[in-house]
C-alpha atoms as a PDB file:
ATOM      1  CA  UNK A   1      88.510 105.068  69.672  1.00  0.00           C
ATOM      2  CA  UNK A   2      89.675 101.784  69.330  1.00  0.00           C
ATOM      3  CA  UNK A   3      93.358 101.315  69.808  1.00  0.00           C
ATOM      4  CA  UNK A   4      96.284  99.147  69.709  1.00  0.00           C
ATOM      5  CA  UNK A   5      98.244 101.172  72.200  1.00  0.00           C
ATOM      6  CA  UNK A   6      98.989  99.791  75.603  1.00  0.00           C
ATOM      7  CA  UNK A   7      96.678 101.831  77.808  1.00  0.00           C
ATOM      8  CA  UNK A   8      96.645 101.878  81.756  1.00  0.00           C
ATOM      9  CA  UNK A   9      94.547 103.025  84.701  1.00  0.00           C
ATOM     10  CA  UNK A  10      94.976 105.374  87.251  1.00  0.00           C
ATOM     11  CA  UNK A  11      93.128 105.593  90.098  1.00  0.00           C
ATOM     12  CA  UNK A  12      91.367 109.567  91.026  1.00  0.00           C
ATOM     13  CA  UNK A  13      93.036 109.952  94.287  1.00  0.00           C
ATOM     14  CA  UNK A  14      92.970 113.518  95.938  1.00  0.00           C
ATOM     15  CA  UNK A  15      95.918 114.569  93.760  1.00  0.00           C
ATOM     16  CA  UNK A  16      94.953 113.232  90.730  1.00  0.00           C
ATOM     17  CA  UNK A  17      91.822 115.293  91.292  1.00  0.00           C
ATOM     18  CA  UNK A  18      93.716 118.109  91.912  1.00  0.00           C
ATOM     19  CA  UNK A  19      95.822 117.924  88.922  1.00  0.00           C
ATOM     20  CA  UNK A  20      92.324 117.581  86.956  1.00  0.00           C
ATOM     21  CA  UNK A  21      90.853 120.476  88.311  1.00  0.00           C
ATOM     22  CA  UNK A  22      93.560 123.175  87.576  1.00  0.00           C
ATOM     23  CA  UNK A  23      94.344 121.605  84.295  1.00  0.00           C
ATOM     24  CA  UNK A  24      90.413 121.753  83.645  1.00  0.00           C
ATOM     25  CA  UNK A  25      90.762 125.347  84.966  1.00  0.00           C
ATOM     26  CA  UNK A  26      93.776 126.056  82.140  1.00  0.00           C
ATOM     27  CA  UNK A  27      92.542 124.355  79.131  1.00  0.00           C
ATOM     28  CA  UNK A  28      88.477 124.604  79.877  1.00  0.00           C
ATOM     29  CA  UNK A  29      87.800 122.844  76.230  1.00  0.00           C
ATOM     30  CA  UNK A  30      89.717 119.710  76.434  1.00  0.00           C
ATOM     31  CA  UNK A  31      88.218 116.485  77.111  1.00  0.00           C
ATOM     32  CA  UNK A  32      89.057 114.205  80.547  1.00  0.00           C
ATOM     33  CA  UNK A  33      91.311 112.173  78.261  1.00  0.00           C
ATOM     34  CA  UNK A  34      92.558 115.378  76.564  1.00  0.00           C
ATOM     35  CA  UNK A  35      93.723 117.046  79.492  1.00  0.00           C
ATOM     36  CA  UNK A  36      95.133 113.785  80.933  1.00  0.00           C
ATOM     37  CA  UNK A  37      97.674 113.606  78.128  1.00  0.00           C
ATOM     38  CA  UNK A  38      98.222 117.198  78.459  1.00  0.00           C
ATOM     39  CA  UNK A  39      99.283 116.491  81.840  1.00  0.00           C
ATOM     40  CA  UNK A  40     101.634 113.998  81.342  1.00  0.00           C
ATOM     41  CA  UNK A  41     103.231 116.112  77.929  1.00  0.00           C
ATOM     42  CA  UNK A  42     103.267 119.205  80.010  1.00  0.00           C
ATOM     43  CA  UNK A  43     104.739 117.533  83.545  1.00  0.00           C
ATOM     44  CA  UNK A  44     107.240 115.749  81.004  1.00  0.00           C
ATOM     45  CA  UNK A  45     108.465 118.979  79.464  1.00  0.00           C
ATOM     46  CA  UNK A  46     108.692 120.226  82.642  1.00  0.00           C
ATOM     47  CA  UNK A  47     110.962 117.868  84.139  1.00  0.00           C
ATOM     48  CA  UNK A  48     113.119 117.555  80.922  1.00  0.00           C
ATOM     49  CA  UNK A  49     113.764 121.530  81.107  1.00  0.00           C
ATOM     50  CA  UNK A  50     114.548 121.518  84.676  1.00  0.00           C
ATOM     51  CA  UNK A  51     117.294 118.228  83.551  1.00  0.00           C
ATOM     52  CA  UNK A  52     118.608 120.605  80.786  1.00  0.00           C
ATOM     53  CA  UNK A  53     118.895 123.020  83.354  1.00  0.00           C
ATOM     54  CA  UNK A  54     120.952 121.668  86.307  1.00  0.00           C
ATOM     55  CA  UNK A  55     123.339 119.583  83.550  1.00  0.00           C
ATOM     56  CA  UNK A  56     124.073 123.369  82.434  1.00  0.00           C
ATOM     57  CA  UNK A  57     124.534 124.785  85.442  1.00  0.00           C
ATOM     58  CA  UNK A  58     126.975 121.388  86.484  1.00  0.00           C
ATOM     59  CA  UNK A  59     129.042 122.639  83.222  1.00  0.00           C
ATOM     60  CA  UNK A  60     129.283 125.995  84.057  1.00  0.00           C
ATOM     61  CA  UNK A  61     130.723 125.188  87.527  1.00  0.00           C
ATOM     62  CA  UNK A  62     133.476 123.034  86.148  1.00  0.00           C
ATOM     63  CA  UNK A  63     134.724 125.221  83.718  1.00  0.00           C
ATOM     64  CA  UNK A  64     134.768 127.630  86.823  1.00  0.00           C
ATOM     65  CA  UNK A  65     136.420 125.325  89.066  1.00  0.00           C
ATOM     66  CA  UNK A  66     138.347 123.611  86.271  1.00  0.00           C
ATOM     67  CA  UNK A  67     142.190 125.008  87.195  1.00  0.00           C
ATOM     68  CA  UNK A  68     141.510 126.626  89.691  1.00  0.00           C
ATOM     69  CA  UNK A  69     143.572 124.561  92.359  1.00  0.00           C
ATOM     70  CA  UNK A  70     146.692 124.332  90.070  1.00  0.00           C
ATOM     71  CA  UNK A  71     148.849 126.900  91.870  1.00  0.00           C
ATOM     72  CA  UNK A  72     148.743 124.630  94.995  1.00  0.00           C
ATOM     73  CA  UNK A  73     149.518 121.799  93.572  1.00  0.00           C
ATOM     74  CA  UNK A  74     152.659 121.258  91.632  1.00  0.00           C
ATOM     75  CA  UNK A  75     152.672 119.707  88.069  1.00  0.00           C
ATOM     76  CA  UNK A  76     153.293 115.671  89.296  1.00  0.00           C
ATOM     77  CA  UNK A  77     151.866 116.437  92.974  1.00  0.00           C
ATOM     78  CA  UNK A  78     149.748 112.860  92.237  1.00  0.00           C
ATOM     79  CA  UNK A  79     152.742 111.088  90.740  1.00  0.00           C
ATOM     80  CA  UNK A  80     155.290 112.367  93.740  1.00  0.00           C
ATOM     81  CA  UNK A  81     152.137 110.887  96.428  1.00  0.00           C
ATOM     82  CA  UNK A  82     151.675 107.297  94.247  1.00  0.00           C
ATOM     83  CA  UNK A  83     155.668 106.930  95.418  1.00  0.00           C
ATOM     84  CA  UNK A  84     155.109 107.205  98.835  1.00  0.00           C
ATOM     85  CA  UNK A  85     152.769 103.473  98.625  1.00  0.00           C
ATOM     86  CA  UNK A  86     154.045 100.254  98.151  1.00  0.00           C
ATOM     87  CA  UNK A  87     152.207  98.399  95.186  1.00  0.00           C
END
């Protein structure tokens, strides 16, 4: 079907061939171009989920660590350190 959308070429390397074989097993009814589209969409979703999960873990770590050193340093500790350094 004609389209005005940009197109690009993909060389069928061993990795691409293997990905298409795996996709064909998962979606046997799909055409080759549908397989490529589904691989793109599935890969993007996996990356987005991974990124969201990593960000969530970072926020949890920050929340956990927040305030842990309050007992080790006085409230104006940084200011007192700066007084020792000439400007």
